[in-house]
């Protein structure tokens, strides 16, 4: 080690040794400080914060649970209204099918109660469609579909409204076009424009029986009512299943 380095090292040692020692008063204060009390205060503060966070979380969960229950009850009530319409449509289509079959028997020259012909023809030109009550579902979507905690139930709700109802609406639009283009003109031609007018009609039975367009219109009406009844029976089953799921979730 050369002389310059040795001198620098010696100077540094001297400076270090020349610094004053820690004051006895500071040592006394450090030793006498109530660390236990300070730790307790810190612990109480931490516990208080954790309790406040837990209460806030419980409150949020309670609000979400309450809102979920409210949404499910709203959906259940809306489905009850839809179910009445769906079942009414299914029963109505069944009655329509019977009347159309009777009218077609007459058109084919088969035996039929002639006094009941006005009644048969009147109900041969009806068909059903659903105006679904989607307000409860729209409200749920505005709140967020993830509000429904049960994954299977959430999927079932979305499927009914976004798939089944949407599909049925499109089918009903097609049926409406079919009715307006091929059935309604014959109803207007031979029968009262108001389908709810009182019976009996003044019918020219010979003219009716030889009208091929009327016969074809009745066949279209028959097939349309068969298809509508089938569609609405499937829709009824899905609505009933969803209602049962909601009831189980509410319990």
C-alpha atoms as a PDB file:
ATOM      1  CA  UNK A   1       0.000   0.000   0.000  1.00  0.00           C
ATOM      2  CA  UNK A   2       1.562   3.335  -1.010  1.00  0.00           C
ATOM      3  CA  UNK A   3       1.914   6.240   1.324  1.00  0.00           C
ATOM      4  CA  UNK A   4      -1.017   8.323  -0.164  1.00  0.00           C
ATOM      5  CA  UNK A   5      -3.553   5.579   0.298  1.00  0.00           C
ATOM      6  CA  UNK A   6      -2.367   4.866   3.837  1.00  0.00           C
ATOM      7  CA  UNK A   7      -2.777   8.506   4.773  1.00  0.00           C
ATOM      8  CA  UNK A   8      -6.342   8.687   3.356  1.00  0.00           C
ATOM      9  CA  UNK A   9      -7.376   5.521   5.208  1.00  0.00           C
ATOM     10  CA  UNK A  10      -5.953   6.838   8.451  1.00  0.00           C
ATOM     11  CA  UNK A  11      -7.806  10.112   8.032  1.00  0.00           C
ATOM     12  CA  UNK A  12     -11.131   8.338   7.505  1.00  0.00           C
ATOM     13  CA  UNK A  13     -10.668   6.269  10.657  1.00  0.00           C
ATOM     14  CA  UNK A  14      -9.918   9.355  12.643  1.00  0.00           C
ATOM     15  CA  UNK A  15     -13.037  11.132  11.408  1.00  0.00           C
ATOM     16  CA  UNK A  16     -15.211   8.130  12.325  1.00  0.00           C
ATOM     17  CA  UNK A  17     -13.806   7.823  15.808  1.00  0.00           C
ATOM     18  CA  UNK A  18     -14.153  11.547  16.353  1.00  0.00           C
ATOM     19  CA  UNK A  19     -17.989  11.521  15.850  1.00  0.00           C
ATOM     20  CA  UNK A  20     -19.962  11.891  19.104  1.00  0.00           C
ATOM     21  CA  UNK A  21     -21.703   8.762  20.500  1.00  0.00           C
ATOM     22  CA  UNK A  22     -25.538   8.410  20.672  1.00  0.00           C
ATOM     23  CA  UNK A  23     -26.974  10.647  23.338  1.00  0.00           C
ATOM     24  CA  UNK A  24     -27.988   8.816  26.550  1.00  0.00           C
ATOM     25  CA  UNK A  25     -31.270  10.746  26.565  1.00  0.00           C
ATOM     26  CA  UNK A  26     -32.187   9.301  23.166  1.00  0.00           C
ATOM     27  CA  UNK A  27     -31.361   5.811  24.350  1.00  0.00           C
ATOM     28  CA  UNK A  28     -33.481   6.327  27.453  1.00  0.00           C
ATOM     29  CA  UNK A  29     -36.448   7.531  25.400  1.00  0.00           C
ATOM     30  CA  UNK A  30     -36.183   4.620  23.023  1.00  0.00           C
ATOM     31  CA  UNK A  31     -36.054   2.156  25.880  1.00  0.00           C
ATOM     32  CA  UNK A  32     -38.893   3.762  27.778  1.00  0.00           C
ATOM     33  CA  UNK A  33     -41.273   4.088  24.763  1.00  0.00           C
ATOM     34  CA  UNK A  34     -44.546   2.137  25.169  1.00  0.00           C
ATOM     35  CA  UNK A  35     -44.272  -0.084  22.131  1.00  0.00           C
ATOM     36  CA  UNK A  36     -47.065  -2.359  23.342  1.00  0.00           C
ATOM     37  CA  UNK A  37     -49.561   0.492  23.476  1.00  0.00           C
ATOM     38  CA  UNK A  38     -48.499   1.725  20.049  1.00  0.00           C
ATOM     39  CA  UNK A  39     -48.879  -1.782  18.613  1.00  0.00           C
ATOM     40  CA  UNK A  40     -52.340  -2.059  20.147  1.00  0.00           C
ATOM     41  CA  UNK A  41     -53.387   1.251  18.605  1.00  0.00           C
ATOM     42  CA  UNK A  42     -52.112   0.170  15.203  1.00  0.00           C
ATOM     43  CA  UNK A  43     -53.853  -3.181  15.606  1.00  0.00           C
ATOM     44  CA  UNK A  44     -57.167  -1.563  16.567  1.00  0.00           C
ATOM     45  CA  UNK A  45     -56.886   0.762  13.562  1.00  0.00           C
ATOM     46  CA  UNK A  46     -56.232  -2.109  11.170  1.00  0.00           C
ATOM     47  CA  UNK A  47     -59.069  -4.173  12.636  1.00  0.00           C
ATOM     48  CA  UNK A  48     -61.418  -1.180  12.369  1.00  0.00           C
ATOM     49  CA  UNK A  49     -60.538  -0.707   8.711  1.00  0.00           C
ATOM     50  CA  UNK A  50     -61.056  -4.406   7.996  1.00  0.00           C
ATOM     51  CA  UNK A  51     -64.425  -4.406   9.771  1.00  0.00           C
ATOM     52  CA  UNK A  52     -65.520  -1.324   7.814  1.00  0.00           C
ATOM     53  CA  UNK A  53     -64.513  -3.005   4.544  1.00  0.00           C
ATOM     54  CA  UNK A  54     -66.350  -6.192   5.548  1.00  0.00           C
ATOM     55  CA  UNK A  55     -69.512  -4.264   6.462  1.00  0.00           C
ATOM     56  CA  UNK A  56     -69.349  -2.357   3.177  1.00  0.00           C
ATOM     57  CA  UNK A  57     -68.950  -5.617   1.251  1.00  0.00           C
ATOM     58  CA  UNK A  58     -71.852  -7.195   3.137  1.00  0.00           C
ATOM     59  CA  UNK A  59     -73.981  -4.149   2.377  1.00  0.00           C
ATOM     60  CA  UNK A  60     -73.125  -4.343  -1.329  1.00  0.00           C
ATOM     61  CA  UNK A  61     -73.887  -8.068  -1.399  1.00  0.00           C
ATOM     62  CA  UNK A  62     -77.196  -7.472   0.378  1.00  0.00           C
ATOM     63  CA  UNK A  63     -78.145  -4.752  -2.117  1.00  0.00           C
ATOM     64  CA  UNK A  64     -77.211  -6.998  -5.043  1.00  0.00           C
ATOM     65  CA  UNK A  65     -79.138  -9.931  -3.576  1.00  0.00           C
ATOM     66  CA  UNK A  66     -82.192  -7.729  -2.985  1.00  0.00           C
ATOM     67  CA  UNK A  67     -82.032  -6.352  -6.533  1.00  0.00           C
ATOM     68  CA  UNK A  68     -81.590  -9.864  -7.941  1.00  0.00           C
ATOM     69  CA  UNK A  69     -84.666 -11.074  -6.086  1.00  0.00           C
ATOM     70  CA  UNK A  70     -86.652  -8.068  -7.296  1.00  0.00           C
ATOM     71  CA  UNK A  71     -85.600  -8.711 -10.908  1.00  0.00           C
ATOM     72  CA  UNK A  72     -86.513 -12.391 -10.669  1.00  0.00           C
ATOM     73  CA  UNK A  73     -89.941 -11.596  -9.252  1.00  0.00           C
ATOM     74  CA  UNK A  74     -90.521  -9.083 -12.057  1.00  0.00           C
ATOM     75  CA  UNK A  75     -89.522 -11.684 -14.641  1.00  0.00           C
ATOM     76  CA  UNK A  76     -91.747 -14.310 -13.043  1.00  0.00           C
ATOM     77  CA  UNK A  77     -94.735 -11.936 -13.163  1.00  0.00           C
ATOM     78  CA  UNK A  78     -94.034 -11.039 -16.802  1.00  0.00           C
ATOM     79  CA  UNK A  79     -93.768 -14.711 -17.745  1.00  0.00           C
ATOM     80  CA  UNK A  80     -97.109 -15.390 -16.059  1.00  0.00           C
ATOM     81  CA  UNK A  81     -98.721 -12.805 -18.347  1.00  0.00           C
ATOM     82  CA  UNK A  82     -96.999 -14.259 -21.417  1.00  0.00           C
ATOM     83  CA  UNK A  83     -98.019 -17.771 -20.421  1.00  0.00           C
ATOM     84  CA  UNK A  84    -101.697 -16.816 -20.403  1.00  0.00           C
ATOM     85  CA  UNK A  85    -101.340 -15.433 -23.944  1.00  0.00           C
ATOM     86  CA  UNK A  86     -99.335 -18.444 -25.133  1.00  0.00           C
ATOM     87  CA  UNK A  87    -101.799 -20.971 -23.740  1.00  0.00           C
ATOM     88  CA  UNK A  88    -104.693 -18.975 -25.127  1.00  0.00           C
ATOM     89  CA  UNK A  89    -103.016 -18.960 -28.526  1.00  0.00           C
ATOM     90  CA  UNK A  90    -102.419 -22.705 -28.380  1.00  0.00           C
ATOM     91  CA  UNK A  91    -106.043 -23.397 -27.457  1.00  0.00           C
ATOM     92  CA  UNK A  92    -107.281 -20.900 -30.035  1.00  0.00           C
ATOM     93  CA  UNK A  93    -105.229 -22.492 -32.787  1.00  0.00           C
ATOM     94  CA  UNK A  94    -106.627 -25.897 -31.837  1.00  0.00           C
ATOM     95  CA  UNK A  95    -110.172 -24.518 -32.208  1.00  0.00           C
ATOM     96  CA  UNK A  96    -109.247 -22.796 -35.477  1.00  0.00           C
ATOM     97  CA  UNK A  97    -107.900 -26.052 -36.878  1.00  0.00           C
ATOM     98  CA  UNK A  98    -111.182 -27.790 -36.162  1.00  0.00           C
ATOM     99  CA  UNK A  99    -113.208 -25.045 -37.865  1.00  0.00           C
ATOM    100  CA  UNK A 100    -110.947 -24.964 -40.927  1.00  0.00           C
ATOM    101  CA  UNK A 101    -111.222 -28.744 -41.248  1.00  0.00           C
ATOM    102  CA  UNK A 102    -115.014 -28.435 -41.240  1.00  0.00           C
ATOM    103  CA  UNK A 103    -114.914 -25.692 -43.860  1.00  0.00           C
ATOM    104  CA  UNK A 104    -112.621 -27.811 -46.049  1.00  0.00           C
ATOM    105  CA  UNK A 105    -115.000 -30.759 -45.741  1.00  0.00           C
ATOM    106  CA  UNK A 106    -117.706 -28.560 -47.177  1.00  0.00           C
ATOM    107  CA  UNK A 107    -115.409 -27.370 -49.960  1.00  0.00           C
ATOM    108  CA  UNK A 108    -114.652 -30.989 -50.892  1.00  0.00           C
ATOM    109  CA  UNK A 109    -118.353 -31.867 -50.969  1.00  0.00           C
ATOM    110  CA  UNK A 110    -118.249 -33.976 -47.836  1.00  0.00           C
ATOM    111  CA  UNK A 111    -121.192 -34.086 -45.389  1.00  0.00           C
ATOM    112  CA  UNK A 112    -121.248 -31.181 -42.956  1.00  0.00           C
ATOM    113  CA  UNK A 113    -123.769 -29.291 -40.844  1.00  0.00           C
ATOM    114  CA  UNK A 114    -124.849 -26.552 -43.229  1.00  0.00           C
ATOM    115  CA  UNK A 115    -126.416 -24.470 -40.475  1.00  0.00           C
ATOM    116  CA  UNK A 116    -123.008 -24.243 -38.825  1.00  0.00           C
ATOM    117  CA  UNK A 117    -121.172 -23.254 -42.011  1.00  0.00           C
ATOM    118  CA  UNK A 118    -121.154 -19.507 -41.183  1.00  0.00           C
ATOM    119  CA  UNK A 119    -119.592 -20.345 -37.834  1.00  0.00           C
ATOM    120  CA  UNK A 120    -117.008 -22.656 -39.430  1.00  0.00           C
ATOM    121  CA  UNK A 121    -115.983 -20.095 -42.011  1.00  0.00           C
ATOM    122  CA  UNK A 122    -115.860 -17.237 -39.527  1.00  0.00           C
ATOM    123  CA  UNK A 123    -113.312 -19.052 -37.374  1.00  0.00           C
ATOM    124  CA  UNK A 124    -111.333 -20.333 -40.327  1.00  0.00           C
ATOM    125  CA  UNK A 125    -109.643 -16.984 -40.807  1.00  0.00           C
ATOM    126  CA  UNK A 126    -108.197 -16.431 -37.349  1.00  0.00           C
ATOM    127  CA  UNK A 127    -104.620 -16.985 -36.293  1.00  0.00           C
ATOM    128  CA  UNK A 128    -102.635 -16.262 -33.147  1.00  0.00           C
ATOM    129  CA  UNK A 129     -99.480 -14.332 -32.394  1.00  0.00           C
ATOM    130  CA  UNK A 130     -97.686 -13.287 -29.236  1.00  0.00           C
ATOM    131  CA  UNK A 131     -96.988  -9.783 -28.000  1.00  0.00           C
ATOM    132  CA  UNK A 132     -94.426 -10.765 -25.394  1.00  0.00           C
ATOM    133  CA  UNK A 133     -93.958  -8.693 -22.267  1.00  0.00           C
ATOM    134  CA  UNK A 134     -90.223  -7.863 -22.365  1.00  0.00           C
ATOM    135  CA  UNK A 135     -90.165  -4.866 -20.017  1.00  0.00           C
ATOM    136  CA  UNK A 136     -88.885  -6.899 -17.041  1.00  0.00           C
ATOM    137  CA  UNK A 137     -86.106  -8.380 -19.184  1.00  0.00           C
ATOM    138  CA  UNK A 138     -85.102  -4.976 -20.525  1.00  0.00           C
ATOM    139  CA  UNK A 139     -84.944  -3.692 -16.947  1.00  0.00           C
ATOM    140  CA  UNK A 140     -82.745  -6.644 -15.997  1.00  0.00           C
ATOM    141  CA  UNK A 141     -80.403  -5.946 -18.909  1.00  0.00           C
ATOM    142  CA  UNK A 142     -80.106  -2.312 -17.836  1.00  0.00           C
ATOM    143  CA  UNK A 143     -79.085  -3.543 -14.364  1.00  0.00           C
ATOM    144  CA  UNK A 144     -76.694  -6.081 -15.857  1.00  0.00           C
ATOM    145  CA  UNK A 145     -77.380  -9.739 -16.636  1.00  0.00           C
ATOM    146  CA  UNK A 146     -74.550 -10.720 -14.290  1.00  0.00           C
ATOM    147  CA  UNK A 147     -76.904  -9.665 -11.491  1.00  0.00           C
ATOM    148  CA  UNK A 148     -78.340 -13.205 -11.803  1.00  0.00           C
ATOM    149  CA  UNK A 149     -75.861 -15.269  -9.806  1.00  0.00           C
ATOM    150  CA  UNK A 150     -77.075 -18.657 -11.068  1.00  0.00           C
ATOM    151  CA  UNK A 151     -75.297 -19.237 -14.384  1.00  0.00           C
ATOM    152  CA  UNK A 152     -77.827 -21.786 -15.669  1.00  0.00           C
ATOM    153  CA  UNK A 153     -80.738 -19.505 -14.848  1.00  0.00           C
ATOM    154  CA  UNK A 154     -79.058 -16.521 -16.468  1.00  0.00           C
ATOM    155  CA  UNK A 155     -78.481 -18.505 -19.678  1.00  0.00           C
ATOM    156  CA  UNK A 156     -82.081 -19.770 -19.675  1.00  0.00           C
ATOM    157  CA  UNK A 157     -83.453 -16.234 -19.297  1.00  0.00           C
ATOM    158  CA  UNK A 158     -81.293 -14.883 -22.098  1.00  0.00           C
ATOM    159  CA  UNK A 159     -82.195 -17.822 -24.373  1.00  0.00           C
ATOM    160  CA  UNK A 160     -85.939 -17.329 -23.949  1.00  0.00           C
ATOM    161  CA  UNK A 161     -85.926 -13.601 -24.612  1.00  0.00           C
ATOM    162  CA  UNK A 162     -83.038 -13.223 -27.059  1.00  0.00           C
ATOM    163  CA  UNK A 163     -83.500 -16.461 -29.002  1.00  0.00           C
ATOM    164  CA  UNK A 164     -86.939 -18.054 -28.612  1.00  0.00           C
ATOM    165  CA  UNK A 165     -88.992 -14.853 -28.413  1.00  0.00           C
ATOM    166  CA  UNK A 166     -86.982 -13.199 -31.175  1.00  0.00           C
ATOM    167  CA  UNK A 167     -87.392 -16.231 -33.406  1.00  0.00           C
ATOM    168  CA  UNK A 168     -91.138 -16.416 -32.731  1.00  0.00           C
ATOM    169  CA  UNK A 169     -91.490 -12.725 -33.558  1.00  0.00           C
ATOM    170  CA  UNK A 170     -89.882 -13.332 -36.957  1.00  0.00           C
ATOM    171  CA  UNK A 171     -92.113 -16.353 -37.552  1.00  0.00           C
ATOM    172  CA  UNK A 172     -95.176 -14.303 -36.615  1.00  0.00           C
ATOM    173  CA  UNK A 173     -94.103 -11.617 -39.093  1.00  0.00           C
ATOM    174  CA  UNK A 174     -93.929 -14.257 -41.834  1.00  0.00           C
ATOM    175  CA  UNK A 175     -97.343 -15.595 -40.834  1.00  0.00           C
ATOM    176  CA  UNK A 176     -98.752 -12.079 -40.881  1.00  0.00           C
ATOM    177  CA  UNK A 177     -97.454 -11.521 -44.407  1.00  0.00           C
ATOM    178  CA  UNK A 178     -98.857 -14.878 -45.491  1.00  0.00           C
ATOM    179  CA  UNK A 179    -102.222 -14.040 -43.964  1.00  0.00           C
ATOM    180  CA  UNK A 180    -102.419 -10.586 -45.536  1.00  0.00           C
ATOM    181  CA  UNK A 181    -101.428 -11.812 -48.990  1.00  0.00           C
ATOM    182  CA  UNK A 182    -103.313 -15.093 -49.303  1.00  0.00           C
ATOM    183  CA  UNK A 183    -106.032 -15.388 -46.660  1.00  0.00           C
ATOM    184  CA  UNK A 184    -107.338 -11.949 -45.794  1.00  0.00           C
ATOM    185  CA  UNK A 185    -108.393 -11.084 -49.410  1.00  0.00           C
ATOM    186  CA  UNK A 186    -110.707 -14.115 -49.487  1.00  0.00           C
ATOM    187  CA  UNK A 187    -112.140 -13.290 -46.085  1.00  0.00           C
ATOM    188  CA  UNK A 188    -112.882  -9.764 -47.248  1.00  0.00           C
ATOM    189  CA  UNK A 189    -114.329 -11.055 -50.527  1.00  0.00           C
ATOM    190  CA  UNK A 190    -116.918 -13.367 -48.986  1.00  0.00           C
ATOM    191  CA  UNK A 191    -117.372 -12.386 -45.394  1.00  0.00           C
ATOM    192  CA  UNK A 192    -117.785  -9.315 -43.249  1.00  0.00           C
ATOM    193  CA  UNK A 193    -114.694  -7.123 -43.087  1.00  0.00           C
ATOM    194  CA  UNK A 194    -115.092  -7.065 -39.349  1.00  0.00           C
ATOM    195  CA  UNK A 195    -114.198 -10.600 -38.182  1.00  0.00           C
ATOM    196  CA  UNK A 196    -116.102 -10.024 -34.951  1.00  0.00           C
ATOM    197  CA  UNK A 197    -119.392  -9.121 -36.630  1.00  0.00           C
ATOM    198  CA  UNK A 198    -122.479 -11.049 -35.654  1.00  0.00           C
ATOM    199  CA  UNK A 199    -123.479 -14.231 -37.401  1.00  0.00           C
ATOM    200  CA  UNK A 200    -124.892 -15.390 -39.681  1.00  0.00           C
ATOM    201  CA  UNK A 201    -123.253 -14.368 -42.904  1.00  0.00           C
ATOM    202  CA  UNK A 202    -125.201 -14.205 -46.133  1.00  0.00           C
ATOM    203  CA  UNK A 203    -123.293 -16.909 -47.974  1.00  0.00           C
ATOM    204  CA  UNK A 204    -123.604 -18.061 -51.542  1.00  0.00           C
ATOM    205  CA  UNK A 205    -122.659 -21.658 -50.842  1.00  0.00           C
ATOM    206  CA  UNK A 206    -122.372 -22.717 -54.479  1.00  0.00           C
ATOM    207  CA  UNK A 207    -120.025 -19.836 -55.191  1.00  0.00           C
ATOM    208  CA  UNK A 208    -117.950 -20.693 -52.146  1.00  0.00           C
ATOM    209  CA  UNK A 209    -117.589 -24.339 -53.015  1.00  0.00           C
ATOM    210  CA  UNK A 210    -116.321 -23.675 -56.525  1.00  0.00           C
ATOM    211  CA  UNK A 211    -113.771 -21.006 -55.567  1.00  0.00           C
ATOM    212  CA  UNK A 212    -110.360 -22.666 -55.810  1.00  0.00           C
ATOM    213  CA  UNK A 213    -108.658 -19.604 -54.345  1.00  0.00           C
ATOM    214  CA  UNK A 214    -110.821 -19.902 -51.242  1.00  0.00           C
ATOM    215  CA  UNK A 215    -110.018 -23.601 -50.989  1.00  0.00           C
ATOM    216  CA  UNK A 216    -106.285 -22.874 -51.215  1.00  0.00           C
ATOM    217  CA  UNK A 217    -106.626 -20.081 -48.660  1.00  0.00           C
ATOM    218  CA  UNK A 218    -108.294 -22.475 -46.232  1.00  0.00           C
ATOM    219  CA  UNK A 219    -105.517 -25.035 -46.740  1.00  0.00           C
ATOM    220  CA  UNK A 220    -102.913 -22.339 -46.029  1.00  0.00           C
ATOM    221  CA  UNK A 221    -104.848 -21.324 -42.927  1.00  0.00           C
ATOM    222  CA  UNK A 222    -104.952 -24.938 -41.758  1.00  0.00           C
ATOM    223  CA  UNK A 223    -101.212 -25.466 -42.186  1.00  0.00           C
ATOM    224  CA  UNK A 224    -100.437 -22.127 -40.596  1.00  0.00           C
ATOM    225  CA  UNK A 225    -102.535 -22.921 -37.522  1.00  0.00           C
ATOM    226  CA  UNK A 226    -100.907 -26.338 -37.181  1.00  0.00           C
ATOM    227  CA  UNK A 227     -97.465 -24.741 -37.284  1.00  0.00           C
ATOM    228  CA  UNK A 228     -98.408 -21.954 -34.889  1.00  0.00           C
ATOM    229  CA  UNK A 229     -99.822 -24.427 -32.386  1.00  0.00           C
ATOM    230  CA  UNK A 230     -96.653 -26.508 -32.548  1.00  0.00           C
ATOM    231  CA  UNK A 231     -94.423 -23.445 -32.103  1.00  0.00           C
ATOM    232  CA  UNK A 232     -96.425 -22.150 -29.181  1.00  0.00           C
ATOM    233  CA  UNK A 233     -96.489 -25.527 -27.464  1.00  0.00           C
ATOM    234  CA  UNK A 234     -92.679 -25.511 -27.510  1.00  0.00           C
ATOM    235  CA  UNK A 235     -92.695 -21.910 -26.280  1.00  0.00           C
ATOM    236  CA  UNK A 236     -95.109 -22.808 -23.490  1.00  0.00           C
ATOM    237  CA  UNK A 237     -92.822 -25.626 -22.335  1.00  0.00           C
ATOM    238  CA  UNK A 238     -89.815 -23.297 -22.240  1.00  0.00           C
ATOM    239  CA  UNK A 239     -91.693 -20.600 -20.316  1.00  0.00           C
ATOM    240  CA  UNK A 240     -92.958 -23.144 -17.763  1.00  0.00           C
ATOM    241  CA  UNK A 241     -89.446 -24.519 -17.301  1.00  0.00           C
ATOM    242  CA  UNK A 242     -88.023 -21.028 -16.790  1.00  0.00           C
ATOM    243  CA  UNK A 243     -90.752 -20.176 -14.298  1.00  0.00           C
ATOM    244  CA  UNK A 244     -89.882 -23.316 -12.324  1.00  0.00           C
ATOM    245  CA  UNK A 245     -86.188 -22.356 -12.314  1.00  0.00           C
ATOM    246  CA  UNK A 246     -86.996 -18.875 -11.039  1.00  0.00           C
ATOM    247  CA  UNK A 247     -89.231 -20.271  -8.306  1.00  0.00           C
ATOM    248  CA  UNK A 248     -86.471 -22.593  -7.132  1.00  0.00           C
ATOM    249  CA  UNK A 249     -83.981 -19.722  -7.106  1.00  0.00           C
ATOM    250  CA  UNK A 250     -86.326 -17.487  -5.123  1.00  0.00           C
ATOM    251  CA  UNK A 251     -86.732 -20.195  -2.501  1.00  0.00           C
END
